[in-house]
Each structure stands twice: as C-alpha cells, then as structure tokens.
Amino acid sequence: MSSLSRRRLLRILLGTPLVAIVGCGGDSETFPSLVPPPDLVLEGDETQLANLVKQQLPRLKQLAQNPGTSLRIGIPNGRGMEVLAFSFVDKGAANYRHLRVVRESTGEAVNLLWGMKGLLPSIRVADDKGNTISRNGRLLEIGFSDVSKSKGRQALDWIAIGVKVAAVAFALWLGAQIGRAILGAIAFLAFNAMVLGLLVASLAVIFPAIEWVLRNITLQDVENFFGQLVNDIIRLFTEISQMLAQWLGS
C-alpha cells in the first residue's frame, strides 16, 4: 500500500466512533466512544460516604428546581461502576414533580412516587406509566410503617424513616450486589430529593400522601438533616445496614 493510501486509511479510521487496534497476531480490540464520567461517585467507608452526602444539598436543590436536568451518580456494584441518573419530571408516571431514576447499565427507568399505607406515607417504585413494578413476586411499595413501628417525634425522625424506606426500595430494585452503606447513601440522597421536589414545585394536585409530607417536613427541616453531625449520619447508615439484613435475609 502506498504511503498516501496508508495516510488516507488512517484518517478514515480515526474519524470513526470506534477504532480497531490490530496486533501482530491479528487479534483486535474495540474501544467504544467515550462515556462521560458520573457527576458524583459514592464510594468509601461509612465516614467517607457520610461526609460526601452531607455536601450534596445544593446539587439536589438545583436538580429539583430544573426538571429535565440530571445528576449521574456512580456506585460500585462488585464488577465495576454502576451509574444511576437522577432527574425530576412533572408528568408521565404522576402529574406532580417526582424523582425518576435510570439505571444506565440496563436502561431501566423507575419513578419514585408517593403513596399511603394506612395513615403514613409509602414510596412506590413505578414504571413510566405509573404501574408499580415487582421483584421476585413482590410489589415495590414500601411504607413508613414497614420499616419503623414507632412514629417520628419530629421532622428529622420522619426524614430518617423515609431514608430507610428508600434504602429498602433501592435494595429490592437493584439487587444484593450493591453494598449496604452505598444503599444508605443512595437512599439519603433520593428521599431528600423526593421531598425537595414537592417543596420547590408549584403543585396543582395535592393528595393525602403529599399533604402529609408538606404538613410534616419543611425546607428548613431538610437543611437541618443535611447539617447533622457526620456521626449521626453514620449511625443512620448502620441502622439501615442492620435493617436490610432482615429484609434481604442475610
């Protein structure tokens, strides 16, 4: 092949999204086009995770105020890095501002919706049509009363219970390969994001679950929850780990 032809071929190869590198033995390896890194990576021990989630309130507020934007969160899954994309939508699965989560490795999207179980709220994991999804024959709707037999005495207690509910929901949806401290950190962010979505939006529809949240939790309460001592958040992660051992049977 002439020098000119080789240079032309090289330009063609480098101009495509996939570049094949051929070794002396004729084997080839394909490098995919670059995927942007996550905006946030949840990794480390409980202390590192607690310090990390404490800093994310401004990001969550911005996310809740701007439906359609996303926060891509990387989490270790034992085989590499899983990415969950958080965003808010005002329609689709529900006609109020709610959190939508996409698992990028599979493309599966779920919506975290508010429900009621008895006199207390629940989190319902639903598809884009609003149908509650199931895992292993179990519908994914987890109530506050399912994770705590005692009622919250103040708003911070209710938020902590809500984080535990979200941790169970994510554990059942994502599976056991995600570490429990990581699940606690995901749930910490997700539940507070759900509450922020209600607090910052102009709601046209208010039903019992939303009314309950707005009556019992304020923006100042959420800010105070993020302002807790690191040791308080570590204690919450430990309680979540113990609780998940009962839910997951291990």
C-alpha atoms as a PDB file:
ATOM      1  CA  MET A   1       0.000   0.000   0.000  1.00  0.00           C
ATOM      2  CA  SER A   2       1.389   3.426  -0.902  1.00  0.00           C
ATOM      3  CA  SER A   3       2.277   5.939   1.795  1.00  0.00           C
ATOM      4  CA  LEU A   4      -0.585   8.188   0.613  1.00  0.00           C
ATOM      5  CA  SER A   5      -3.094   5.345   0.775  1.00  0.00           C
ATOM      6  CA  ARG A   6      -1.970   4.423   4.286  1.00  0.00           C
ATOM      7  CA  ARG A   7      -2.357   8.005   5.478  1.00  0.00           C
ATOM      8  CA  ARG A   8      -5.817   8.197   3.930  1.00  0.00           C
ATOM      9  CA  LEU A   9      -6.886   4.952   5.590  1.00  0.00           C
ATOM     10  CA  LEU A  10      -5.590   6.196   8.941  1.00  0.00           C
ATOM     11  CA  ARG A  11      -7.624   9.400   8.650  1.00  0.00           C
ATOM     12  CA  ILE A  12     -10.756   7.371   7.911  1.00  0.00           C
ATOM     13  CA  LEU A  13     -10.185   5.085  10.915  1.00  0.00           C
ATOM     14  CA  LEU A  14      -9.523   7.949  13.320  1.00  0.00           C
ATOM     15  CA  GLY A  15     -12.620   9.775  12.146  1.00  0.00           C
ATOM     16  CA  THR A  16     -14.989   6.977  13.193  1.00  0.00           C
ATOM     17  CA  PRO A  17     -16.508   6.476  16.703  1.00  0.00           C
ATOM     18  CA  LEU A  18     -14.864   3.043  17.040  1.00  0.00           C
ATOM     19  CA  VAL A  19     -11.179   2.411  16.444  1.00  0.00           C
ATOM     20  CA  ALA A  20      -9.947  -1.157  15.918  1.00  0.00           C
ATOM     21  CA  ILE A  21      -6.401  -1.826  17.059  1.00  0.00           C
ATOM     22  CA  VAL A  22      -4.932  -4.875  15.351  1.00  0.00           C
ATOM     23  CA  GLY A  23      -1.952  -6.636  16.951  1.00  0.00           C
ATOM     24  CA  CYS A  24       0.761  -8.636  15.309  1.00  0.00           C
ATOM     25  CA  GLY A  25      -1.241 -11.820  15.769  1.00  0.00           C
ATOM     26  CA  GLY A  26      -4.280 -10.395  14.029  1.00  0.00           C
ATOM     27  CA  ASP A  27      -6.450 -10.054  17.164  1.00  0.00           C
ATOM     28  CA  SER A  28      -8.392  -6.822  17.528  1.00  0.00           C
ATOM     29  CA  GLU A  29      -9.788  -4.828  20.424  1.00  0.00           C
ATOM     30  CA  THR A  30     -12.619  -2.339  20.026  1.00  0.00           C
ATOM     31  CA  PHE A  31     -12.693   0.822  22.146  1.00  0.00           C
ATOM     32  CA  PRO A  32     -16.194   2.331  22.500  1.00  0.00           C
ATOM     33  CA  SER A  33     -16.811   6.026  22.166  1.00  0.00           C
ATOM     34  CA  LEU A  34     -16.207   7.850  25.443  1.00  0.00           C
ATOM     35  CA  VAL A  35     -18.974   7.826  28.070  1.00  0.00           C
ATOM     36  CA  PRO A  36     -18.921  10.895  30.334  1.00  0.00           C
ATOM     37  CA  PRO A  37     -17.907  10.157  33.923  1.00  0.00           C
ATOM     38  CA  PRO A  38     -20.536  10.352  36.682  1.00  0.00           C
ATOM     39  CA  ASP A  39     -21.188  13.713  38.320  1.00  0.00           C
ATOM     40  CA  LEU A  40     -20.811  12.089  41.726  1.00  0.00           C
ATOM     41  CA  VAL A  41     -19.288   8.780  42.840  1.00  0.00           C
ATOM     42  CA  LEU A  42     -20.436   7.109  46.063  1.00  0.00           C
ATOM     43  CA  GLU A  43     -17.564   5.030  47.383  1.00  0.00           C
ATOM     44  CA  GLY A  44     -15.502   4.540  50.513  1.00  0.00           C
ATOM     45  CA  ASP A  45     -16.417   3.624  54.068  1.00  0.00           C
ATOM     46  CA  GLU A  46     -19.345   4.954  56.080  1.00  0.00           C
ATOM     47  CA  THR A  47     -17.419   8.000  57.279  1.00  0.00           C
ATOM     48  CA  GLN A  48     -16.402   8.963  53.741  1.00  0.00           C
ATOM     49  CA  LEU A  49     -19.940   8.406  52.459  1.00  0.00           C
ATOM     50  CA  ALA A  50     -21.452  10.452  55.293  1.00  0.00           C
ATOM     51  CA  ASN A  51     -19.103  13.358  54.574  1.00  0.00           C
ATOM     52  CA  LEU A  52     -19.900  13.101  50.876  1.00  0.00           C
ATOM     53  CA  VAL A  53     -23.707  13.074  51.099  1.00  0.00           C
ATOM     54  CA  LYS A  54     -23.670  15.983  53.567  1.00  0.00           C
ATOM     55  CA  GLN A  55     -22.315  18.196  50.777  1.00  0.00           C
ATOM     56  CA  GLN A  56     -24.955  17.408  48.157  1.00  0.00           C
ATOM     57  CA  LEU A  57     -27.896  19.606  49.244  1.00  0.00           C
ATOM     58  CA  PRO A  58     -27.124  22.430  46.753  1.00  0.00           C
ATOM     59  CA  ARG A  59     -26.950  19.901  43.915  1.00  0.00           C
ATOM     60  CA  LEU A  60     -30.261  18.317  44.902  1.00  0.00           C
ATOM     61  CA  LYS A  61     -31.969  21.704  45.195  1.00  0.00           C
ATOM     62  CA  GLN A  62     -30.753  22.669  41.735  1.00  0.00           C
ATOM     63  CA  LEU A  63     -31.929  19.339  40.358  1.00  0.00           C
ATOM     64  CA  ALA A  64     -35.398  19.734  41.896  1.00  0.00           C
ATOM     65  CA  GLN A  65     -35.730  23.263  40.547  1.00  0.00           C
ATOM     66  CA  ASN A  66     -34.802  22.240  36.996  1.00  0.00           C
ATOM     67  CA  PRO A  67     -36.824  19.274  35.702  1.00  0.00           C
ATOM     68  CA  GLY A  68     -35.145  17.556  32.786  1.00  0.00           C
ATOM     69  CA  THR A  69     -31.601  18.083  34.061  1.00  0.00           C
ATOM     70  CA  SER A  70     -29.823  15.078  35.544  1.00  0.00           C
ATOM     71  CA  LEU A  71     -27.422  14.084  38.279  1.00  0.00           C
ATOM     72  CA  ARG A  72     -25.476  10.953  37.329  1.00  0.00           C
ATOM     73  CA  ILE A  73     -24.363   9.009  40.388  1.00  0.00           C
ATOM     74  CA  GLY A  74     -21.719   6.285  40.161  1.00  0.00           C
ATOM     75  CA  ILE A  75     -21.851   3.363  42.589  1.00  0.00           C
ATOM     76  CA  PRO A  76     -19.597   0.281  42.856  1.00  0.00           C
ATOM     77  CA  ASN A  77     -21.506  -2.941  42.157  1.00  0.00           C
ATOM     78  CA  GLY A  78     -18.806  -5.568  42.713  1.00  0.00           C
ATOM     79  CA  ARG A  79     -17.950  -5.798  38.998  1.00  0.00           C
ATOM     80  CA  GLY A  80     -17.247  -2.177  38.252  1.00  0.00           C
ATOM     81  CA  MET A  81     -19.200   1.056  38.323  1.00  0.00           C
ATOM     82  CA  GLU A  82     -22.982   1.300  38.004  1.00  0.00           C
ATOM     83  CA  VAL A  83     -24.468   4.685  37.107  1.00  0.00           C
ATOM     84  CA  LEU A  84     -27.871   5.880  38.297  1.00  0.00           C
ATOM     85  CA  ALA A  85     -29.171   9.035  36.609  1.00  0.00           C
ATOM     86  CA  PHE A  86     -31.459  11.124  38.843  1.00  0.00           C
ATOM     87  CA  SER A  87     -33.828  13.646  37.268  1.00  0.00           C
ATOM     88  CA  PHE A  88     -37.189  15.243  38.003  1.00  0.00           C
ATOM     89  CA  VAL A  89     -40.275  15.127  35.816  1.00  0.00           C
ATOM     90  CA  ASP A  90     -43.690  16.727  36.223  1.00  0.00           C
ATOM     91  CA  LYS A  91     -45.728  14.234  34.225  1.00  0.00           C
ATOM     92  CA  GLY A  92     -45.635  10.683  32.939  1.00  0.00           C
ATOM     93  CA  ALA A  93     -45.867   8.298  35.870  1.00  0.00           C
ATOM     94  CA  ALA A  94     -47.501  11.008  38.021  1.00  0.00           C
ATOM     95  CA  ASN A  95     -48.757  14.556  37.479  1.00  0.00           C
ATOM     96  CA  TYR A  96     -46.614  16.131  40.193  1.00  0.00           C
ATOM     97  CA  ARG A  97     -42.857  16.683  40.403  1.00  0.00           C
ATOM     98  CA  HIS A  98     -41.235  13.354  41.189  1.00  0.00           C
ATOM     99  CA  LEU A  99     -37.859  11.666  41.004  1.00  0.00           C
ATOM    100  CA  ARG A 100     -37.071   9.460  38.018  1.00  0.00           C
ATOM    101  CA  VAL A 101     -34.041   7.166  38.150  1.00  0.00           C
ATOM    102  CA  VAL A 102     -32.431   5.460  35.149  1.00  0.00           C
ATOM    103  CA  ARG A 103     -30.090   2.516  35.614  1.00  0.00           C
ATOM    104  CA  GLU A 104     -27.743   3.209  32.724  1.00  0.00           C
ATOM    105  CA  SER A 105     -26.331  -0.326  32.503  1.00  0.00           C
ATOM    106  CA  THR A 106     -29.752  -1.739  31.610  1.00  0.00           C
ATOM    107  CA  GLY A 107     -31.691   1.343  30.520  1.00  0.00           C
ATOM    108  CA  GLU A 108     -34.436   0.542  33.037  1.00  0.00           C
ATOM    109  CA  ALA A 109     -36.185   3.641  34.374  1.00  0.00           C
ATOM    110  CA  VAL A 110     -38.219   3.820  37.556  1.00  0.00           C
ATOM    111  CA  ASN A 111     -40.174   6.618  39.181  1.00  0.00           C
ATOM    112  CA  LEU A 112     -40.237   7.106  42.948  1.00  0.00           C
ATOM    113  CA  LEU A 113     -43.835   8.037  43.725  1.00  0.00           C
ATOM    114  CA  TRP A 114     -45.638   8.924  46.924  1.00  0.00           C
ATOM    115  CA  GLY A 115     -48.328   6.608  48.245  1.00  0.00           C
ATOM    116  CA  MET A 116     -50.106   5.873  51.502  1.00  0.00           C
ATOM    117  CA  LYS A 117     -50.127   2.729  53.607  1.00  0.00           C
ATOM    118  CA  GLY A 118     -52.580   3.199  56.415  1.00  0.00           C
ATOM    119  CA  LEU A 119     -52.068   6.623  57.970  1.00  0.00           C
ATOM    120  CA  LEU A 120     -48.446   7.050  56.869  1.00  0.00           C
ATOM    121  CA  PRO A 121     -46.732   7.618  53.517  1.00  0.00           C
ATOM    122  CA  SER A 122     -45.104   4.997  51.341  1.00  0.00           C
ATOM    123  CA  ILE A 123     -42.682   5.027  48.418  1.00  0.00           C
ATOM    124  CA  ARG A 124     -43.925   3.294  45.303  1.00  0.00           C
ATOM    125  CA  VAL A 125     -41.414   2.246  42.627  1.00  0.00           C
ATOM    126  CA  ALA A 126     -43.230   2.589  39.303  1.00  0.00           C
ATOM    127  CA  ASP A 127     -42.563   2.382  35.577  1.00  0.00           C
ATOM    128  CA  ASP A 128     -43.113   5.344  33.261  1.00  0.00           C
ATOM    129  CA  LYS A 129     -46.829   4.506  33.012  1.00  0.00           C
ATOM    130  CA  GLY A 130     -47.219   4.690  36.780  1.00  0.00           C
ATOM    131  CA  ASN A 131     -47.544   0.947  37.329  1.00  0.00           C
ATOM    132  CA  THR A 132     -45.850  -0.400  40.452  1.00  0.00           C
ATOM    133  CA  ILE A 133     -43.036  -2.739  39.441  1.00  0.00           C
ATOM    134  CA  SER A 134     -42.264  -6.035  41.165  1.00  0.00           C
ATOM    135  CA  ARG A 135     -39.167  -8.008  42.063  1.00  0.00           C
ATOM    136  CA  ASN A 136     -39.337 -11.732  42.846  1.00  0.00           C
ATOM    137  CA  GLY A 137     -43.119 -11.545  43.039  1.00  0.00           C
ATOM    138  CA  ARG A 138     -43.097  -8.592  45.489  1.00  0.00           C
ATOM    139  CA  LEU A 139     -44.664  -5.276  44.506  1.00  0.00           C
ATOM    140  CA  LEU A 140     -42.229  -2.487  45.307  1.00  0.00           C
ATOM    141  CA  GLU A 141     -44.270  -0.260  47.576  1.00  0.00           C
ATOM    142  CA  ILE A 142     -42.633   0.235  50.963  1.00  0.00           C
ATOM    143  CA  GLY A 143     -44.410   2.108  53.743  1.00  0.00           C
ATOM    144  CA  PHE A 144     -43.038   4.111  56.622  1.00  0.00           C
ATOM    145  CA  SER A 145     -44.818   1.655  58.912  1.00  0.00           C
ATOM    146  CA  ASP A 146     -43.000  -1.247  57.220  1.00  0.00           C
ATOM    147  CA  VAL A 147     -39.595  -0.092  58.474  1.00  0.00           C
ATOM    148  CA  SER A 148     -40.461   1.560  61.778  1.00  0.00           C
ATOM    149  CA  LYS A 149     -43.051   0.604  64.355  1.00  0.00           C
ATOM    150  CA  SER A 150     -42.588   3.845  66.276  1.00  0.00           C
ATOM    151  CA  LYS A 151     -43.843   7.181  64.989  1.00  0.00           C
ATOM    152  CA  GLY A 152     -41.486  10.034  64.377  1.00  0.00           C
ATOM    153  CA  ARG A 153     -41.423  12.647  67.113  1.00  0.00           C
ATOM    154  CA  GLN A 154     -40.143  15.427  64.877  1.00  0.00           C
ATOM    155  CA  ALA A 155     -39.369  16.127  61.234  1.00  0.00           C
ATOM    156  CA  LEU A 156     -35.809  14.768  61.378  1.00  0.00           C
ATOM    157  CA  ASP A 157     -37.180  11.440  62.653  1.00  0.00           C
ATOM    158  CA  TRP A 158     -39.610  11.265  59.745  1.00  0.00           C
ATOM    159  CA  ILE A 159     -36.865  12.040  57.228  1.00  0.00           C
ATOM    160  CA  ALA A 160     -34.669   9.289  58.721  1.00  0.00           C
ATOM    161  CA  ILE A 161     -37.575   6.820  58.417  1.00  0.00           C
ATOM    162  CA  GLY A 162     -38.096   7.937  54.816  1.00  0.00           C
ATOM    163  CA  VAL A 163     -34.418   7.322  54.044  1.00  0.00           C
ATOM    164  CA  LYS A 164     -34.791   3.792  55.426  1.00  0.00           C
ATOM    165  CA  VAL A 165     -37.846   3.229  53.216  1.00  0.00           C
ATOM    166  CA  ALA A 166     -35.905   4.419  50.170  1.00  0.00           C
ATOM    167  CA  ALA A 167     -32.993   2.116  51.083  1.00  0.00           C
ATOM    168  CA  VAL A 168     -35.314  -0.912  51.068  1.00  0.00           C
ATOM    169  CA  ALA A 169     -36.808   0.178  47.740  1.00  0.00           C
ATOM    170  CA  PHE A 170     -33.381   0.544  46.106  1.00  0.00           C
ATOM    171  CA  ALA A 171     -32.122  -2.731  47.621  1.00  0.00           C
ATOM    172  CA  LEU A 172     -35.076  -4.666  46.193  1.00  0.00           C
ATOM    173  CA  TRP A 173     -34.820  -2.931  42.813  1.00  0.00           C
ATOM    174  CA  LEU A 174     -31.036  -3.023  42.310  1.00  0.00           C
ATOM    175  CA  GLY A 175     -30.305  -6.365  43.987  1.00  0.00           C
ATOM    176  CA  ALA A 176     -27.898  -7.596  46.619  1.00  0.00           C
ATOM    177  CA  GLN A 177     -24.690  -6.762  44.716  1.00  0.00           C
ATOM    178  CA  ILE A 178     -24.783  -3.153  45.963  1.00  0.00           C
ATOM    179  CA  GLY A 179     -23.117  -2.604  49.348  1.00  0.00           C
ATOM    180  CA  ARG A 180     -25.422  -1.637  52.194  1.00  0.00           C
ATOM    181  CA  ALA A 181     -23.554   1.540  53.113  1.00  0.00           C
ATOM    182  CA  ILE A 182     -23.799   2.558  49.444  1.00  0.00           C
ATOM    183  CA  LEU A 183     -27.548   1.831  49.505  1.00  0.00           C
ATOM    184  CA  GLY A 184     -27.829   4.025  52.579  1.00  0.00           C
ATOM    185  CA  ALA A 185     -26.055   6.865  50.781  1.00  0.00           C
ATOM    186  CA  ILE A 186     -28.230   6.492  47.666  1.00  0.00           C
ATOM    187  CA  ALA A 187     -31.356   6.470  49.810  1.00  0.00           C
ATOM    188  CA  PHE A 188     -30.170   9.542  51.758  1.00  0.00           C
ATOM    189  CA  LEU A 189     -29.935  11.478  48.507  1.00  0.00           C
ATOM    190  CA  ALA A 190     -33.047  10.034  46.873  1.00  0.00           C
ATOM    191  CA  PHE A 191     -35.515  10.549  49.717  1.00  0.00           C
ATOM    192  CA  ASN A 192     -34.394  14.098  50.400  1.00  0.00           C
ATOM    193  CA  ALA A 193     -34.609  14.785  46.666  1.00  0.00           C
ATOM    194  CA  MET A 194     -38.185  13.461  46.655  1.00  0.00           C
ATOM    195  CA  VAL A 195     -39.113  15.856  49.455  1.00  0.00           C
ATOM    196  CA  LEU A 196     -37.346  18.780  47.764  1.00  0.00           C
ATOM    197  CA  GLY A 197     -39.298  18.077  44.571  1.00  0.00           C
ATOM    198  CA  LEU A 198     -42.526  18.736  46.474  1.00  0.00           C
ATOM    199  CA  LEU A 199     -41.215  21.739  48.398  1.00  0.00           C
ATOM    200  CA  VAL A 200     -39.891  23.703  45.407  1.00  0.00           C
ATOM    201  CA  ALA A 201     -42.652  22.940  42.890  1.00  0.00           C
ATOM    202  CA  SER A 202     -45.989  24.675  42.428  1.00  0.00           C
ATOM    203  CA  LEU A 203     -48.296  21.721  42.921  1.00  0.00           C
ATOM    204  CA  ALA A 204     -51.601  21.670  41.070  1.00  0.00           C
ATOM    205  CA  VAL A 205     -52.665  18.406  42.662  1.00  0.00           C
ATOM    206  CA  ILE A 206     -52.365  17.555  46.335  1.00  0.00           C
ATOM    207  CA  PHE A 207     -53.473  14.161  47.620  1.00  0.00           C
ATOM    208  CA  PRO A 208     -53.124  12.658  51.120  1.00  0.00           C
ATOM    209  CA  ALA A 209     -49.507  11.492  50.863  1.00  0.00           C
ATOM    210  CA  ILE A 210     -48.247  14.826  49.524  1.00  0.00           C
ATOM    211  CA  GLU A 211     -50.349  16.728  52.036  1.00  0.00           C
ATOM    212  CA  TRP A 212     -48.803  14.639  54.821  1.00  0.00           C
ATOM    213  CA  VAL A 213     -45.259  15.414  53.645  1.00  0.00           C
ATOM    214  CA  LEU A 214     -45.894  19.140  53.284  1.00  0.00           C
ATOM    215  CA  ARG A 215     -47.511  19.254  56.719  1.00  0.00           C
ATOM    216  CA  ASN A 216     -44.677  17.430  58.493  1.00  0.00           C
ATOM    217  CA  ILE A 217     -41.441  18.396  56.676  1.00  0.00           C
ATOM    218  CA  THR A 218     -40.212  21.856  55.671  1.00  0.00           C
ATOM    219  CA  LEU A 219     -37.246  23.045  53.633  1.00  0.00           C
ATOM    220  CA  GLN A 220     -35.561  24.083  56.875  1.00  0.00           C
ATOM    221  CA  ASP A 221     -36.004  20.529  58.163  1.00  0.00           C
ATOM    222  CA  VAL A 222     -34.241  19.138  55.090  1.00  0.00           C
ATOM    223  CA  GLU A 223     -31.424  21.628  55.533  1.00  0.00           C
ATOM    224  CA  ASN A 224     -31.123  20.630  59.192  1.00  0.00           C
ATOM    225  CA  PHE A 225     -30.995  16.965  58.201  1.00  0.00           C
ATOM    226  CA  PHE A 226     -28.019  17.634  55.919  1.00  0.00           C
ATOM    227  CA  GLY A 227     -26.469  19.712  58.702  1.00  0.00           C
ATOM    228  CA  GLN A 228     -26.325  16.804  61.135  1.00  0.00           C
ATOM    229  CA  LEU A 229     -23.045  15.625  62.570  1.00  0.00           C
ATOM    230  CA  VAL A 230     -21.212  13.038  60.498  1.00  0.00           C
ATOM    231  CA  ASN A 231     -21.607  10.572  63.380  1.00  0.00           C
ATOM    232  CA  ASP A 232     -25.404  10.945  63.213  1.00  0.00           C
ATOM    233  CA  ILE A 233     -25.388  10.031  59.528  1.00  0.00           C
ATOM    234  CA  ILE A 234     -23.023   7.112  60.164  1.00  0.00           C
ATOM    235  CA  ARG A 235     -25.446   5.878  62.829  1.00  0.00           C
ATOM    236  CA  LEU A 236     -28.283   6.064  60.292  1.00  0.00           C
ATOM    237  CA  PHE A 237     -26.226   4.061  57.757  1.00  0.00           C
ATOM    238  CA  THR A 238     -25.541   1.421  60.439  1.00  0.00           C
ATOM    239  CA  GLU A 239     -29.257   1.153  61.236  1.00  0.00           C
ATOM    240  CA  ILE A 240     -30.005   0.792  57.517  1.00  0.00           C
ATOM    241  CA  SER A 241     -27.421  -1.984  57.170  1.00  0.00           C
ATOM    242  CA  GLN A 242     -28.948  -3.894  60.078  1.00  0.00           C
ATOM    243  CA  MET A 243     -32.459  -3.379  58.727  1.00  0.00           C
ATOM    244  CA  LEU A 244     -31.519  -4.557  55.222  1.00  0.00           C
ATOM    245  CA  ALA A 245     -30.061  -7.742  56.684  1.00  0.00           C
ATOM    246  CA  GLN A 246     -33.571  -8.552  57.911  1.00  0.00           C
ATOM    247  CA  TRP A 247     -35.291  -7.531  54.667  1.00  0.00           C
ATOM    248  CA  LEU A 248     -32.857  -9.383  52.418  1.00  0.00           C
ATOM    249  CA  GLY A 249     -32.472 -12.384  54.714  1.00  0.00           C
ATOM    250  CA  SER A 250     -28.710 -12.170  55.122  1.00  0.00           C
END
